[in-house]
């Protein structure tokens, strides 16, 4: 599991996927989310612009 330190109030799901190395560019987020289930706090999430605040937990399949 990767830990990301926020420097702003939030980070979008697309930025998270890029930070952890799941995608190479933000434009790939839409296609990644269509093919791979991603959960945030136990709920399935497919919006690449979803804002993630501190203390949220996620998992990418």
N, C-alpha and C. Protein backbone atom coordinates (compact mmCIF):
# COMPACT_ATOMS: atom_id res chain seq x y z
N UNK A 1 0.84 -1.16 0.00
CA UNK A 1 0.00 0.00 0.00
C UNK A 1 0.90 1.24 0.00
N UNK A 2 0.49 2.22 -0.80
CA UNK A 2 1.24 3.47 -0.87
C UNK A 2 0.59 4.51 0.03
N UNK A 3 1.41 5.34 0.64
CA UNK A 3 0.93 6.45 1.46
C UNK A 3 1.28 7.73 0.73
N UNK A 4 0.31 8.62 0.62
CA UNK A 4 0.52 9.89 -0.06
C UNK A 4 0.37 11.01 0.95
N UNK A 5 1.32 11.92 0.97
CA UNK A 5 1.27 13.08 1.85
C UNK A 5 0.69 14.24 1.06
N UNK A 6 -0.39 14.81 1.57
CA UNK A 6 -1.04 15.92 0.88
C UNK A 6 -0.34 17.23 1.20
N UNK A 7 -0.16 18.05 0.16
CA UNK A 7 0.38 19.38 0.35
C UNK A 7 -0.71 20.43 0.20
N UNK A 8 -1.88 20.01 -0.32
CA UNK A 8 -3.06 20.87 -0.44
C UNK A 8 -4.18 20.25 0.40
N UNK A 9 -5.36 20.83 0.30
CA UNK A 9 -6.51 20.33 1.06
C UNK A 9 -6.96 18.96 0.57
N UNK A 10 -6.80 18.68 -0.73
CA UNK A 10 -7.26 17.41 -1.31
C UNK A 10 -6.42 17.04 -2.52
N UNK A 11 -6.62 15.82 -3.02
CA UNK A 11 -6.00 15.34 -4.24
C UNK A 11 -7.08 14.56 -4.98
N UNK A 12 -7.15 14.72 -6.32
CA UNK A 12 -8.18 14.02 -7.07
C UNK A 12 -7.79 12.56 -7.26
N UNK A 13 -8.78 11.74 -7.55
CA UNK A 13 -8.53 10.32 -7.75
C UNK A 13 -7.56 10.10 -8.91
N UNK A 14 -7.68 10.87 -9.98
CA UNK A 14 -6.75 10.76 -11.10
C UNK A 14 -5.32 11.06 -10.68
N UNK A 15 -5.13 12.06 -9.84
CA UNK A 15 -3.80 12.40 -9.34
C UNK A 15 -3.25 11.30 -8.45
N UNK A 16 -4.13 10.67 -7.66
CA UNK A 16 -3.70 9.57 -6.80
C UNK A 16 -3.18 8.41 -7.66
N UNK A 17 -3.94 8.06 -8.69
CA UNK A 17 -3.53 6.96 -9.56
C UNK A 17 -2.18 7.25 -10.21
N UNK A 18 -1.95 8.49 -10.58
CA UNK A 18 -0.67 8.88 -11.16
C UNK A 18 0.45 8.81 -10.12
N UNK A 19 0.20 9.28 -8.91
CA UNK A 19 1.20 9.27 -7.85
C UNK A 19 1.66 7.86 -7.48
N UNK A 20 0.72 6.91 -7.47
CA UNK A 20 1.08 5.54 -7.08
C UNK A 20 1.59 4.71 -8.25
N UNK A 21 1.64 5.32 -9.45
CA UNK A 21 2.21 4.63 -10.60
C UNK A 21 1.25 3.72 -11.35
N UNK A 22 -0.05 3.83 -11.07
CA UNK A 22 -1.04 3.00 -11.77
C UNK A 22 -1.23 3.48 -13.21
N UNK A 23 -1.03 4.78 -13.44
CA UNK A 23 -1.14 5.35 -14.78
C UNK A 23 0.04 6.30 -14.99
N UNK A 24 0.32 6.59 -16.27
CA UNK A 24 1.43 7.49 -16.59
C UNK A 24 1.00 8.95 -16.72
N UNK A 25 -0.25 9.17 -17.13
CA UNK A 25 -0.73 10.54 -17.28
C UNK A 25 -2.17 10.63 -16.80
N UNK A 26 -2.59 11.83 -16.47
CA UNK A 26 -3.94 12.04 -15.97
C UNK A 26 -5.01 11.63 -16.97
N UNK A 27 -4.70 11.72 -18.27
CA UNK A 27 -5.65 11.34 -19.30
C UNK A 27 -5.99 9.86 -19.31
N UNK A 28 -5.15 9.04 -18.72
CA UNK A 28 -5.38 7.60 -18.67
C UNK A 28 -6.33 7.21 -17.54
N UNK A 29 -6.64 8.12 -16.64
CA UNK A 29 -7.47 7.81 -15.48
C UNK A 29 -8.84 7.28 -15.88
N UNK A 30 -9.46 7.91 -16.86
CA UNK A 30 -10.80 7.49 -17.29
C UNK A 30 -10.79 6.03 -17.73
N UNK A 31 -9.80 5.64 -18.52
CA UNK A 31 -9.72 4.27 -19.04
C UNK A 31 -9.34 3.30 -17.93
N UNK A 32 -8.46 3.71 -17.04
CA UNK A 32 -8.08 2.84 -15.92
C UNK A 32 -9.30 2.54 -15.04
N UNK A 33 -10.06 3.57 -14.72
CA UNK A 33 -11.21 3.39 -13.85
C UNK A 33 -12.32 2.56 -14.50
N UNK A 34 -12.38 2.58 -15.84
CA UNK A 34 -13.37 1.77 -16.55
C UNK A 34 -13.02 0.28 -16.48
N UNK A 35 -11.72 -0.02 -16.39
CA UNK A 35 -11.26 -1.42 -16.43
C UNK A 35 -10.87 -2.00 -15.07
N UNK A 36 -10.65 -1.16 -14.08
CA UNK A 36 -10.18 -1.62 -12.77
C UNK A 36 -11.06 -1.05 -11.66
N UNK A 37 -11.58 -1.90 -10.78
CA UNK A 37 -12.38 -1.38 -9.66
C UNK A 37 -11.50 -0.63 -8.65
N UNK A 38 -11.95 0.53 -8.25
CA UNK A 38 -11.25 1.34 -7.25
C UNK A 38 -12.25 1.66 -6.15
N UNK A 39 -11.86 1.46 -4.90
CA UNK A 39 -12.73 1.79 -3.79
C UNK A 39 -12.09 2.88 -2.93
N UNK A 40 -12.94 3.75 -2.39
CA UNK A 40 -12.53 4.77 -1.44
C UNK A 40 -13.41 4.60 -0.21
N UNK A 41 -12.79 4.37 0.92
CA UNK A 41 -13.52 4.12 2.17
C UNK A 41 -14.56 3.02 2.00
N UNK A 42 -14.20 1.99 1.24
CA UNK A 42 -15.06 0.83 1.07
C UNK A 42 -16.14 0.95 0.02
N UNK A 43 -16.22 2.09 -0.67
CA UNK A 43 -17.24 2.30 -1.69
C UNK A 43 -16.60 2.40 -3.07
N UNK A 44 -17.20 1.72 -4.06
CA UNK A 44 -16.71 1.76 -5.42
C UNK A 44 -16.76 3.18 -5.96
N UNK A 45 -15.67 3.63 -6.58
CA UNK A 45 -15.58 5.00 -7.08
C UNK A 45 -15.01 4.99 -8.50
N UNK A 46 -15.68 5.66 -9.44
CA UNK A 46 -15.23 5.70 -10.82
C UNK A 46 -15.07 7.12 -11.35
N UNK A 47 -15.16 8.11 -10.47
CA UNK A 47 -15.02 9.51 -10.90
C UNK A 47 -13.57 9.94 -10.72
N UNK A 48 -12.90 10.22 -11.84
CA UNK A 48 -11.47 10.57 -11.76
C UNK A 48 -11.25 11.90 -11.06
N UNK A 49 -12.26 12.76 -11.02
CA UNK A 49 -12.13 14.06 -10.37
C UNK A 49 -12.57 14.05 -8.92
N UNK A 50 -12.90 12.89 -8.39
CA UNK A 50 -13.34 12.77 -6.99
C UNK A 50 -12.26 13.31 -6.07
N UNK A 51 -12.63 14.25 -5.21
CA UNK A 51 -11.68 14.85 -4.29
C UNK A 51 -11.46 13.93 -3.10
N UNK A 52 -10.20 13.71 -2.77
CA UNK A 52 -9.82 12.85 -1.65
C UNK A 52 -9.11 13.70 -0.61
N UNK A 53 -9.67 13.70 0.58
CA UNK A 53 -9.12 14.48 1.67
C UNK A 53 -8.30 13.58 2.59
N UNK A 54 -7.58 14.17 3.50
CA UNK A 54 -6.74 13.41 4.43
C UNK A 54 -7.55 12.35 5.16
N UNK A 55 -6.91 11.26 5.50
CA UNK A 55 -7.48 10.16 6.27
C UNK A 55 -8.42 9.25 5.48
N UNK A 56 -8.52 9.41 4.17
CA UNK A 56 -9.32 8.49 3.36
C UNK A 56 -8.44 7.32 2.96
N UNK A 57 -9.06 6.17 2.84
CA UNK A 57 -8.34 4.96 2.44
C UNK A 57 -8.90 4.47 1.12
N UNK A 58 -8.02 4.01 0.25
CA UNK A 58 -8.46 3.51 -1.05
C UNK A 58 -7.76 2.23 -1.43
N UNK A 59 -8.34 1.56 -2.42
CA UNK A 59 -7.77 0.32 -2.93
C UNK A 59 -8.07 0.23 -4.41
N UNK A 60 -7.06 -0.11 -5.18
CA UNK A 60 -7.22 -0.26 -6.63
C UNK A 60 -7.00 -1.72 -7.00
N UNK A 61 -7.89 -2.22 -7.84
CA UNK A 61 -7.82 -3.62 -8.24
C UNK A 61 -7.21 -3.85 -9.56
